[in-house]
Amino acid sequence: MYDSFYDRLSNGFTGYDWWLIIVLSLVAALIMRKWPQWPAAAAIMFMIDAVAPFFYRWAIGVPPNFAFDFAFSRLDERGGVVVLLRLAIYFVLIGAIFFSKRRIGER
């Protein structure tokens, strides 16, 4: 059971996914001004993460209906655990970067 669970999680993220998560988290943390904005920042970056593959594939010439299928399958085919983990990673990264920004800014 655990082998398939960890395999599913490790296969759920590609290099493109990690790059997008890190960049969007950095942008969100730099835009944030106060801690109450944290959930909204994570939710907005998660939505951008969900639609970014659609616009990327559409921009390189893939028809919109196929681009939508690719983007949706990225979130759907790997199971709900990976989708929830994506949102949790956004929360953790944005919180850590914002905390670091506040700490460094106080000095």
PDB file of N, CA and C in Angstrom:
ATOM      1  N   MET A   1       0.812  -1.192   0.000  1.00  0.00           N
ATOM      2  CA  MET A   1       0.000   0.000   0.000  1.00  0.00           C
ATOM      3  C   MET A   1       0.856   1.256   0.000  1.00  0.00           C
ATOM      4  N   TYR A   2       1.869   1.290   0.864  1.00  0.00           N
ATOM      5  CA  TYR A   2       2.690   2.495   0.969  1.00  0.00           C
ATOM      6  C   TYR A   2       3.546   2.717  -0.274  1.00  0.00           C
ATOM      7  N   ASP A   3       3.974   1.620  -0.902  1.00  0.00           N
ATOM      8  CA  ASP A   3       4.762   1.779  -2.122  1.00  0.00           C
ATOM      9  C   ASP A   3       3.958   2.490  -3.201  1.00  0.00           C
ATOM     10  N   SER A   4       2.738   2.084  -3.401  1.00  0.00           N
ATOM     11  CA  SER A   4       1.933   2.720  -4.437  1.00  0.00           C
ATOM     12  C   SER A   4       1.579   4.157  -4.067  1.00  0.00           C
ATOM     13  N   PHE A   5       1.362   4.436  -2.769  1.00  0.00           N
ATOM     14  CA  PHE A   5       1.047   5.795  -2.329  1.00  0.00           C
ATOM     15  C   PHE A   5       2.228   6.725  -2.596  1.00  0.00           C
ATOM     16  N   TYR A   6       3.422   6.334  -2.209  1.00  0.00           N
ATOM     17  CA  TYR A   6       4.598   7.174  -2.431  1.00  0.00           C
ATOM     18  C   TYR A   6       4.954   7.282  -3.903  1.00  0.00           C
ATOM     19  N   ASP A   7       4.752   6.205  -4.653  1.00  0.00           N
ATOM     20  CA  ASP A   7       4.971   6.269  -6.104  1.00  0.00           C
ATOM     21  C   ASP A   7       4.016   7.249  -6.755  1.00  0.00           C
ATOM     22  N   ARG A   8       2.773   7.235  -6.320  1.00  0.00           N
ATOM     23  CA  ARG A   8       1.774   8.153  -6.888  1.00  0.00           C
ATOM     24  C   ARG A   8       2.142   9.603  -6.565  1.00  0.00           C
ATOM     25  N   LEU A   9       2.608   9.853  -5.341  1.00  0.00           N
ATOM     26  CA  LEU A   9       3.006  11.214  -4.988  1.00  0.00           C
ATOM     27  C   LEU A   9       4.240  11.662  -5.758  1.00  0.00           C
ATOM     28  N   SER A  10       5.229  10.795  -5.878  1.00  0.00           N
ATOM     29  CA  SER A  10       6.445  11.191  -6.588  1.00  0.00           C
ATOM     30  C   SER A  10       6.197  11.364  -8.079  1.00  0.00           C
ATOM     31  N   ASN A  11       5.290  10.582  -8.649  1.00  0.00           N
ATOM     32  CA  ASN A  11       4.961  10.740 -10.059  1.00  0.00           C
ATOM     33  C   ASN A  11       4.009  11.900 -10.297  1.00  0.00           C
ATOM     34  N   GLY A  12       3.427  12.427  -9.241  1.00  0.00           N
ATOM     35  CA  GLY A  12       2.467  13.507  -9.366  1.00  0.00           C
ATOM     36  C   GLY A  12       3.094  14.868  -9.620  1.00  0.00           C
ATOM     37  N   PHE A  13       4.405  14.989  -9.476  1.00  0.00           N
ATOM     38  CA  PHE A  13       5.072  16.274  -9.659  1.00  0.00           C
ATOM     39  C   PHE A  13       6.222  16.133 -10.654  1.00  0.00           C
ATOM     40  N   THR A  14       6.199  16.967 -11.674  1.00  0.00           N
ATOM     41  CA  THR A  14       7.291  16.995 -12.646  1.00  0.00           C
ATOM     42  C   THR A  14       8.181  18.195 -12.345  1.00  0.00           C
ATOM     43  N   GLY A  15       9.246  18.345 -13.083  1.00  0.00           N
ATOM     44  CA  GLY A  15      10.110  19.500 -12.915  1.00  0.00           C
ATOM     45  C   GLY A  15       9.378  20.801 -13.195  1.00  0.00           C
ATOM     46  N   TYR A  16       8.518  20.784 -14.198  1.00  0.00           N
ATOM     47  CA  TYR A  16       7.706  21.961 -14.513  1.00  0.00           C
ATOM     48  C   TYR A  16       6.804  22.310 -13.334  1.00  0.00           C
ATOM     49  N   ASP A  17       6.203  21.320 -12.701  1.00  0.00           N
ATOM     50  CA  ASP A  17       5.321  21.564 -11.557  1.00  0.00           C
ATOM     51  C   ASP A  17       6.081  22.219 -10.413  1.00  0.00           C
ATOM     52  N   TRP A  18       7.251  21.689 -10.092  1.00  0.00           N
ATOM     53  CA  TRP A  18       8.038  22.268  -8.988  1.00  0.00           C
ATOM     54  C   TRP A  18       8.480  23.686  -9.319  1.00  0.00           C
ATOM     55  N   TRP A  19       8.898  23.922 -10.554  1.00  0.00           N
ATOM     56  CA  TRP A  19       9.312  25.276 -10.951  1.00  0.00           C
ATOM     57  C   TRP A  19       8.153  26.248 -10.799  1.00  0.00           C
ATOM     58  N   LEU A  20       6.976  25.847 -11.256  1.00  0.00           N
ATOM     59  CA  LEU A  20       5.801  26.703 -11.166  1.00  0.00           C
ATOM     60  C   LEU A  20       5.408  26.961  -9.709  1.00  0.00           C
ATOM     61  N   ILE A  21       5.454  25.938  -8.876  1.00  0.00           N
ATOM     62  CA  ILE A  21       5.120  26.093  -7.462  1.00  0.00           C
ATOM     63  C   ILE A  21       6.074  27.056  -6.780  1.00  0.00           C
ATOM     64  N   ILE A  22       7.357  26.920  -7.025  1.00  0.00           N
ATOM     65  CA  ILE A  22       8.345  27.791  -6.380  1.00  0.00           C
ATOM     66  C   ILE A  22       8.203  29.232  -6.853  1.00  0.00           C
ATOM     67  N   VAL A  23       8.070  29.447  -8.142  1.00  0.00           N
ATOM     68  CA  VAL A  23       7.961  30.810  -8.668  1.00  0.00           C
ATOM     69  C   VAL A  23       6.677  31.489  -8.194  1.00  0.00           C
ATOM     70  N   LEU A  24       5.554  30.792  -8.277  1.00  0.00           N
ATOM     71  CA  LEU A  24       4.295  31.391  -7.847  1.00  0.00           C
ATOM     72  C   LEU A  24       4.288  31.659  -6.341  1.00  0.00           C
ATOM     73  N   SER A  25       4.901  30.779  -5.558  1.00  0.00           N
ATOM     74  CA  SER A  25       4.986  31.009  -4.115  1.00  0.00           C
ATOM     75  C   SER A  25       5.842  32.222  -3.800  1.00  0.00           C
ATOM     76  N   LEU A  26       6.935  32.374  -4.513  1.00  0.00           N
ATOM     77  CA  LEU A  26       7.800  33.526  -4.307  1.00  0.00           C
ATOM     78  C   LEU A  26       7.078  34.824  -4.652  1.00  0.00           C
ATOM     79  N   VAL A  27       6.371  34.835  -5.763  1.00  0.00           N
ATOM     80  CA  VAL A  27       5.620  36.032  -6.163  1.00  0.00           C
ATOM     81  C   VAL A  27       4.543  36.353  -5.124  1.00  0.00           C
ATOM     82  N   ALA A  28       3.807  35.350  -4.678  1.00  0.00           N
ATOM     83  CA  ALA A  28       2.742  35.579  -3.699  1.00  0.00           C
ATOM     84  C   ALA A  28       3.297  36.105  -2.383  1.00  0.00           C
ATOM     85  N   ALA A  29       4.402  35.545  -1.920  1.00  0.00           N
ATOM     86  CA  ALA A  29       4.976  35.986  -0.649  1.00  0.00           C
ATOM     87  C   ALA A  29       5.524  37.405  -0.746  1.00  0.00           C
ATOM     88  N   LEU A  30       6.046  37.765  -1.898  1.00  0.00           N
ATOM     89  CA  LEU A  30       6.566  39.126  -2.049  1.00  0.00           C
ATOM     90  C   LEU A  30       5.441  40.155  -2.165  1.00  0.00           C
ATOM     91  N   ILE A  31       4.287  39.756  -2.678  1.00  0.00           N
ATOM     92  CA  ILE A  31       3.154  40.670  -2.810  1.00  0.00           C
ATOM     93  C   ILE A  31       2.428  40.849  -1.475  1.00  0.00           C
ATOM     94  N   MET A  32       2.413  39.808  -0.648  1.00  0.00           N
ATOM     95  CA  MET A  32       1.689  39.856   0.624  1.00  0.00           C
ATOM     96  C   MET A  32       2.232  40.949   1.536  1.00  0.00           C
ATOM     97  N   ARG A  33       1.335  41.583   2.279  1.00  0.00           N
ATOM     98  CA  ARG A  33       1.722  42.610   3.248  1.00  0.00           C
ATOM     99  C   ARG A  33       1.447  42.186   4.685  1.00  0.00           C
ATOM    100  N   LYS A  34       0.381  41.378   4.894  1.00  0.00           N
ATOM    101  CA  LYS A  34      -0.003  40.964   6.241  1.00  0.00           C
ATOM    102  C   LYS A  34      -0.371  39.482   6.233  1.00  0.00           C
ATOM    103  N   TRP A  35      -0.311  38.853   7.401  1.00  0.00           N
ATOM    104  CA  TRP A  35      -0.613  37.433   7.525  1.00  0.00           C
ATOM    105  C   TRP A  35      -2.035  37.057   7.125  1.00  0.00           C
ATOM    106  N   PRO A  36      -3.051  37.884   7.357  1.00  0.00           N
ATOM    107  CA  PRO A  36      -4.412  37.470   6.946  1.00  0.00           C
ATOM    108  C   PRO A  36      -4.568  37.269   5.430  1.00  0.00           C
ATOM    109  N   GLN A  37      -3.642  37.748   4.651  1.00  0.00           N
ATOM    110  CA  GLN A  37      -3.697  37.562   3.193  1.00  0.00           C
ATOM    111  C   GLN A  37      -3.164  36.205   2.761  1.00  0.00           C
ATOM    112  N   TRP A  38      -2.631  35.445   3.678  1.00  0.00           N
ATOM    113  CA  TRP A  38      -1.985  34.172   3.377  1.00  0.00           C
ATOM    114  C   TRP A  38      -2.922  33.170   2.696  1.00  0.00           C
ATOM    115  N   PRO A  39      -4.116  32.882   3.219  1.00  0.00           N
ATOM    116  CA  PRO A  39      -4.991  31.916   2.522  1.00  0.00           C
ATOM    117  C   PRO A  39      -5.404  32.373   1.125  1.00  0.00           C
ATOM    118  N   ALA A  40      -5.673  33.651   0.979  1.00  0.00           N
ATOM    119  CA  ALA A  40      -6.063  34.153  -0.350  1.00  0.00           C
ATOM    120  C   ALA A  40      -4.898  34.044  -1.326  1.00  0.00           C
ATOM    121  N   ALA A  41      -3.697  34.347  -0.880  1.00  0.00           N
ATOM    122  CA  ALA A  41      -2.522  34.241  -1.753  1.00  0.00           C
ATOM    123  C   ALA A  41      -2.308  32.802  -2.200  1.00  0.00           C
ATOM    124  N   ALA A  42      -2.440  31.853  -1.280  1.00  0.00           N
ATOM    125  CA  ALA A  42      -2.263  30.443  -1.639  1.00  0.00           C
ATOM    126  C   ALA A  42      -3.358  29.984  -2.598  1.00  0.00           C
ATOM    127  N   ALA A  43      -4.591  30.408  -2.361  1.00  0.00           N
ATOM    128  CA  ALA A  43      -5.689  29.996  -3.242  1.00  0.00           C
ATOM    129  C   ALA A  43      -5.535  30.578  -4.646  1.00  0.00           C
ATOM    130  N   ILE A  44      -5.142  31.837  -4.735  1.00  0.00           N
ATOM    131  CA  ILE A  44      -4.962  32.466  -6.050  1.00  0.00           C
ATOM    132  C   ILE A  44      -3.819  31.805  -6.809  1.00  0.00           C
ATOM    133  N   MET A  45      -2.713  31.529  -6.131  1.00  0.00           N
ATOM    134  CA  MET A  45      -1.590  30.881  -6.807  1.00  0.00           C
ATOM    135  C   MET A  45      -1.938  29.448  -7.213  1.00  0.00           C
ATOM    136  N   PHE A  46      -2.759  28.776  -6.428  1.00  0.00           N
ATOM    137  CA  PHE A  46      -3.203  27.434  -6.801  1.00  0.00           C
ATOM    138  C   PHE A  46      -4.084  27.485  -8.048  1.00  0.00           C
ATOM    139  N   MET A  47      -4.953  28.494  -8.132  1.00  0.00           N
ATOM    140  CA  MET A  47      -5.788  28.636  -9.335  1.00  0.00           C
ATOM    141  C   MET A  47      -4.934  28.953 -10.560  1.00  0.00           C
ATOM    142  N   ILE A  48      -3.943  29.811 -10.397  1.00  0.00           N
ATOM    143  CA  ILE A  48      -3.036  30.106 -11.514  1.00  0.00           C
ATOM    144  C   ILE A  48      -2.288  28.844 -11.922  1.00  0.00           C
ATOM    145  N   ASP A  49      -1.880  28.057 -10.940  1.00  0.00           N
ATOM    146  CA  ASP A  49      -1.191  26.793 -11.209  1.00  0.00           C
ATOM    147  C   ASP A  49      -2.108  25.832 -11.967  1.00  0.00           C
ATOM    148  N   ALA A  50      -3.389  25.879 -11.690  1.00  0.00           N
ATOM    149  CA  ALA A  50      -4.326  24.973 -12.363  1.00  0.00           C
ATOM    150  C   ALA A  50      -4.571  25.367 -13.811  1.00  0.00           C
ATOM    151  N   VAL A  51      -4.583  26.662 -14.123  1.00  0.00           N
ATOM    152  CA  VAL A  51      -4.890  27.092 -15.491  1.00  0.00           C
ATOM    153  C   VAL A  51      -3.648  27.373 -16.338  1.00  0.00           C
ATOM    154  N   ALA A  52      -2.478  27.456 -15.725  1.00  0.00           N
ATOM    155  CA  ALA A  52      -1.253  27.755 -16.478  1.00  0.00           C
ATOM    156  C   ALA A  52      -0.959  26.739 -17.590  1.00  0.00           C
ATOM    157  N   PRO A  53      -1.110  25.431 -17.360  1.00  0.00           N
ATOM    158  CA  PRO A  53      -0.844  24.481 -18.450  1.00  0.00           C
ATOM    159  C   PRO A  53      -1.775  24.661 -19.648  1.00  0.00           C
ATOM    160  N   PHE A  54      -3.021  25.060 -19.387  1.00  0.00           N
ATOM    161  CA  PHE A  54      -3.956  25.304 -20.488  1.00  0.00           C
ATOM    162  C   PHE A  54      -3.437  26.423 -21.387  1.00  0.00           C
ATOM    163  N   PHE A  55      -3.082  27.558 -20.790  1.00  0.00           N
ATOM    164  CA  PHE A  55      -2.611  28.687 -21.588  1.00  0.00           C
ATOM    165  C   PHE A  55      -1.257  28.408 -22.236  1.00  0.00           C
ATOM    166  N   TYR A  56      -0.410  27.633 -21.565  1.00  0.00           N
ATOM    167  CA  TYR A  56       0.888  27.270 -22.160  1.00  0.00           C
ATOM    168  C   TYR A  56       0.686  26.419 -23.409  1.00  0.00           C
ATOM    169  N   ARG A  57      -0.124  25.388 -23.294  1.00  0.00           N
ATOM    170  CA  ARG A  57      -0.344  24.514 -24.454  1.00  0.00           C
ATOM    171  C   ARG A  57      -1.093  25.237 -25.570  1.00  0.00           C
ATOM    172  N   TRP A  58      -2.017  26.103 -25.210  1.00  0.00           N
ATOM    173  CA  TRP A  58      -2.750  26.881 -26.202  1.00  0.00           C
ATOM    174  C   TRP A  58      -1.806  27.828 -26.920  1.00  0.00           C
ATOM    175  N   ALA A  59      -0.843  28.394 -26.215  1.00  0.00           N
ATOM    176  CA  ALA A  59       0.109  29.328 -26.819  1.00  0.00           C
ATOM    177  C   ALA A  59       1.067  28.633 -27.783  1.00  0.00           C
ATOM    178  N   ILE A  60       1.358  27.365 -27.560  1.00  0.00           N
ATOM    179  CA  ILE A  60       2.284  26.671 -28.463  1.00  0.00           C
ATOM    180  C   ILE A  60       1.567  25.977 -29.617  1.00  0.00           C
ATOM    181  N   GLY A  61       0.243  26.198 -29.728  1.00  0.00           N
ATOM    182  CA  GLY A  61      -0.462  25.721 -30.903  1.00  0.00           C
ATOM    183  C   GLY A  61      -1.371  24.527 -30.706  1.00  0.00           C
ATOM    184  N   VAL A  62      -1.517  24.044 -29.499  1.00  0.00           N
ATOM    185  CA  VAL A  62      -2.444  22.941 -29.245  1.00  0.00           C
ATOM    186  C   VAL A  62      -3.861  23.515 -29.249  1.00  0.00           C
ATOM    187  N   PRO A  63      -4.806  22.877 -29.940  1.00  0.00           N
ATOM    188  CA  PRO A  63      -6.184  23.398 -29.940  1.00  0.00           C
ATOM    189  C   PRO A  63      -6.737  23.512 -28.516  1.00  0.00           C
ATOM    190  N   PRO A  64      -7.608  24.496 -28.280  1.00  0.00           N
ATOM    191  CA  PRO A  64      -8.099  24.744 -26.915  1.00  0.00           C
ATOM    192  C   PRO A  64      -8.759  23.547 -26.239  1.00  0.00           C
ATOM    193  N   ASN A  65      -9.493  22.735 -26.996  1.00  0.00           N
ATOM    194  CA  ASN A  65     -10.162  21.603 -26.348  1.00  0.00           C
ATOM    195  C   ASN A  65      -9.151  20.562 -25.868  1.00  0.00           C
ATOM    196  N   PHE A  66      -8.092  20.315 -26.621  1.00  0.00           N
ATOM    197  CA  PHE A  66      -7.048  19.392 -26.171  1.00  0.00           C
ATOM    198  C   PHE A  66      -6.226  20.006 -25.049  1.00  0.00           C
ATOM    199  N   ALA A  67      -5.959  21.303 -25.126  1.00  0.00           N
ATOM    200  CA  ALA A  67      -5.206  21.977 -24.073  1.00  0.00           C
ATOM    201  C   ALA A  67      -5.960  21.907 -22.751  1.00  0.00           C
ATOM    202  N   PHE A  68      -7.287  22.083 -22.791  1.00  0.00           N
ATOM    203  CA  PHE A  68      -8.082  21.981 -21.573  1.00  0.00           C
ATOM    204  C   PHE A  68      -8.039  20.562 -21.019  1.00  0.00           C
ATOM    205  N   ASP A  69      -8.144  19.563 -21.893  1.00  0.00           N
ATOM    206  CA  ASP A  69      -8.071  18.171 -21.437  1.00  0.00           C
ATOM    207  C   ASP A  69      -6.728  17.876 -20.775  1.00  0.00           C
ATOM    208  N   PHE A  70      -5.636  18.360 -21.356  1.00  0.00           N
ATOM    209  CA  PHE A  70      -4.318  18.153 -20.760  1.00  0.00           C
ATOM    210  C   PHE A  70      -4.214  18.824 -19.395  1.00  0.00           C
ATOM    211  N   ALA A  71      -4.670  20.064 -19.311  1.00  0.00           N
ATOM    212  CA  ALA A  71      -4.575  20.809 -18.051  1.00  0.00           C
ATOM    213  C   ALA A  71      -5.433  20.158 -16.974  1.00  0.00           C
ATOM    214  N   PHE A  72      -6.626  19.736 -17.319  1.00  0.00           N
ATOM    215  CA  PHE A  72      -7.514  19.125 -16.334  1.00  0.00           C
ATOM    216  C   PHE A  72      -7.005  17.762 -15.904  1.00  0.00           C
ATOM    217  N   SER A  73      -6.477  16.992 -16.842  1.00  0.00           N
ATOM    218  CA  SER A  73      -5.976  15.657 -16.489  1.00  0.00           C
ATOM    219  C   SER A  73      -4.765  15.739 -15.578  1.00  0.00           C
ATOM    220  N   ARG A  74      -4.016  16.824 -15.670  1.00  0.00           N
ATOM    221  CA  ARG A  74      -2.865  17.004 -14.784  1.00  0.00           C
ATOM    222  C   ARG A  74      -3.301  17.029 -13.320  1.00  0.00           C
ATOM    223  N   LEU A  75      -4.450  17.600 -13.051  1.00  0.00           N
ATOM    224  CA  LEU A  75      -4.953  17.648 -11.683  1.00  0.00           C
ATOM    225  C   LEU A  75      -5.788  16.421 -11.329  1.00  0.00           C
ATOM    226  N   ASP A  76      -6.358  15.770 -12.319  1.00  0.00           N
ATOM    227  CA  ASP A  76      -7.313  14.705 -12.057  1.00  0.00           C
ATOM    228  C   ASP A  76      -6.698  13.310 -12.073  1.00  0.00           C
ATOM    229  N   GLU A  77      -5.800  13.034 -12.993  1.00  0.00           N
ATOM    230  CA  GLU A  77      -5.335  11.660 -13.189  1.00  0.00           C
ATOM    231  C   GLU A  77      -4.476  11.145 -12.048  1.00  0.00           C
ATOM    232  N   ARG A  78      -3.867  12.019 -11.281  1.00  0.00           N
ATOM    233  CA  ARG A  78      -2.960  11.580 -10.227  1.00  0.00           C
ATOM    234  C   ARG A  78      -3.646  11.445  -8.882  1.00  0.00           C
ATOM    235  N   GLY A  79      -4.902  11.719  -8.832  1.00  0.00           N
ATOM    236  CA  GLY A  79      -5.659  11.533  -7.608  1.00  0.00           C
ATOM    237  C   GLY A  79      -5.787  12.804  -6.790  1.00  0.00           C
ATOM    238  N   GLY A  80      -6.756  12.796  -5.921  1.00  0.00           N
ATOM    239  CA  GLY A  80      -7.033  13.959  -5.101  1.00  0.00           C
ATOM    240  C   GLY A  80      -5.950  14.263  -4.086  1.00  0.00           C
ATOM    241  N   VAL A  81      -5.172  13.260  -3.687  1.00  0.00           N
ATOM    242  CA  VAL A  81      -4.117  13.480  -2.700  1.00  0.00           C
ATOM    243  C   VAL A  81      -3.084  14.453  -3.239  1.00  0.00           C
ATOM    244  N   VAL A  82      -2.719  14.306  -4.496  1.00  0.00           N
ATOM    245  CA  VAL A  82      -1.711  15.188  -5.084  1.00  0.00           C
ATOM    246  C   VAL A  82      -2.255  16.613  -5.213  1.00  0.00           C
ATOM    247  N   VAL A  83      -3.523  16.747  -5.535  1.00  0.00           N
ATOM    248  CA  VAL A  83      -4.122  18.075  -5.646  1.00  0.00           C
ATOM    249  C   VAL A  83      -4.135  18.763  -4.288  1.00  0.00           C
ATOM    250  N   LEU A  84      -4.526  18.035  -3.244  1.00  0.00           N
ATOM    251  CA  LEU A  84      -4.503  18.616  -1.901  1.00  0.00           C
ATOM    252  C   LEU A  84      -3.083  18.899  -1.438  1.00  0.00           C
ATOM    253  N   LEU A  85      -2.159  18.035  -1.798  1.00  0.00           N
ATOM    254  CA  LEU A  85      -0.764  18.258  -1.431  1.00  0.00           C
ATOM    255  C   LEU A  85      -0.215  19.495  -2.120  1.00  0.00           C
ATOM    256  N   ARG A  86      -0.635  19.737  -3.348  1.00  0.00           N
ATOM    257  CA  ARG A  86      -0.234  20.956  -4.062  1.00  0.00           C
ATOM    258  C   ARG A  86      -0.638  22.204  -3.280  1.00  0.00           C
ATOM    259  N   LEU A  87      -1.882  22.231  -2.824  1.00  0.00           N
ATOM    260  CA  LEU A  87      -2.374  23.375  -2.062  1.00  0.00           C
ATOM    261  C   LEU A  87      -1.618  23.502  -0.738  1.00  0.00           C
ATOM    262  N   ALA A  88      -1.337  22.385  -0.086  1.00  0.00           N
ATOM    263  CA  ALA A  88      -0.572  22.422   1.165  1.00  0.00           C
ATOM    264  C   ALA A  88       0.845  22.929   0.929  1.00  0.00           C
ATOM    265  N   ILE A  89       1.455  22.537  -0.180  1.00  0.00           N
ATOM    266  CA  ILE A  89       2.805  23.017  -0.496  1.00  0.00           C
ATOM    267  C   ILE A  89       2.783  24.521  -0.721  1.00  0.00           C
ATOM    268  N   TYR A  90       1.745  25.022  -1.393  1.00  0.00           N
ATOM    269  CA  TYR A  90       1.624  26.469  -1.565  1.00  0.00           C
ATOM    270  C   TYR A  90       1.521  27.173  -0.220  1.00  0.00           C
ATOM    271  N   PHE A  91       0.701  26.651   0.679  1.00  0.00           N
ATOM    272  CA  PHE A  91       0.571  27.267   1.997  1.00  0.00           C
ATOM    273  C   PHE A  91       1.913  27.291   2.727  1.00  0.00           C
ATOM    274  N   VAL A  92       2.611  26.182   2.735  1.00  0.00           N
ATOM    275  CA  VAL A  92       3.883  26.096   3.469  1.00  0.00           C
ATOM    276  C   VAL A  92       4.935  27.004   2.845  1.00  0.00           C
ATOM    277  N   LEU A  93       5.101  26.950   1.538  1.00  0.00           N
ATOM    278  CA  LEU A  93       6.133  27.767   0.890  1.00  0.00           C
ATOM    279  C   LEU A  93       5.852  29.258   1.019  1.00  0.00           C
ATOM    280  N   ILE A  94       4.621  29.666   0.784  1.00  0.00           N
ATOM    281  CA  ILE A  94       4.295  31.086   0.885  1.00  0.00           C
ATOM    282  C   ILE A  94       4.473  31.557   2.318  1.00  0.00           C
ATOM    283  N   GLY A  95       4.040  30.749   3.283  1.00  0.00           N
ATOM    284  CA  GLY A  95       4.228  31.112   4.690  1.00  0.00           C
ATOM    285  C   GLY A  95       5.691  31.220   5.072  1.00  0.00           C
ATOM    286  N   ALA A  96       6.505  30.267   4.631  1.00  0.00           N
ATOM    287  CA  ALA A  96       7.929  30.296   4.963  1.00  0.00           C
ATOM    288  C   ALA A  96       8.637  31.483   4.321  1.00  0.00           C
ATOM    289  N   ILE A  97       8.333  31.763   3.070  1.00  0.00           N
ATOM    290  CA  ILE A  97       8.970  32.895   2.388  1.00  0.00           C
ATOM    291  C   ILE A  97       8.515  34.212   3.012  1.00  0.00           C
ATOM    292  N   PHE A  98       7.223  34.323   3.332  1.00  0.00           N
ATOM    293  CA  PHE A  98       6.725  35.551   3.946  1.00  0.00           C
ATOM    294  C   PHE A  98       7.319  35.734   5.342  1.00  0.00           C
ATOM    295  N   PHE A  99       7.422  34.656   6.102  1.00  0.00           N
ATOM    296  CA  PHE A  99       8.040  34.731   7.422  1.00  0.00           C
ATOM    297  C   PHE A  99       9.489  35.182   7.314  1.00  0.00           C
ATOM    298  N   SER A 100      10.214  34.616   6.364  1.00  0.00           N
ATOM    299  CA  SER A 100      11.616  35.011   6.154  1.00  0.00           C
ATOM    300  C   SER A 100      11.715  36.468   5.726  1.00  0.00           C
ATOM    301  N   LYS A 101      10.817  36.896   4.867  1.00  0.00           N
ATOM    302  CA  LYS A 101      10.811  38.290   4.417  1.00  0.00           C
ATOM    303  C   LYS A 101      10.574  39.229   5.596  1.00  0.00           C
ATOM    304  N   ARG A 102       9.658  38.878   6.466  1.00  0.00           N
ATOM    305  CA  ARG A 102       9.370  39.722   7.634  1.00  0.00           C
ATOM    306  C   ARG A 102      10.548  39.741   8.602  1.00  0.00           C
ATOM    307  N   ARG A 103      11.177  38.582   8.809  1.00  0.00           N
ATOM    308  CA  ARG A 103      12.341  38.503   9.710  1.00  0.00           C
ATOM    309  C   ARG A 103      13.509  39.330   9.198  1.00  0.00           C
ATOM    310  N   ILE A 104      13.789  39.191   7.903  1.00  0.00           N
ATOM    311  CA  ILE A 104      14.908  39.928   7.317  1.00  0.00           C
ATOM    312  C   ILE A 104      14.591  41.416   7.280  1.00  0.00           C
ATOM    313  N   GLY A 105      13.323  41.771   7.061  1.00  0.00           N
ATOM    314  CA  GLY A 105      12.913  43.166   7.010  1.00  0.00           C
ATOM    315  C   GLY A 105      12.993  43.861   8.356  1.00  0.00           C
ATOM    316  N   GLU A 106      12.909  43.099   9.447  1.00  0.00           N
ATOM    317  CA  GLU A 106      12.971  43.694  10.780  1.00  0.00           C
ATOM    318  C   GLU A 106      14.377  44.097  11.176  1.00  0.00           C
ATOM    319  N   ARG A 107      15.363  43.511  10.563  1.00  0.00           N
ATOM    320  CA  ARG A 107      16.760  43.796  10.930  1.00  0.00           C
ATOM    321  C   ARG A 107      17.220  45.124  10.460  1.00  0.00           C
TER     322      ARG A 107
END
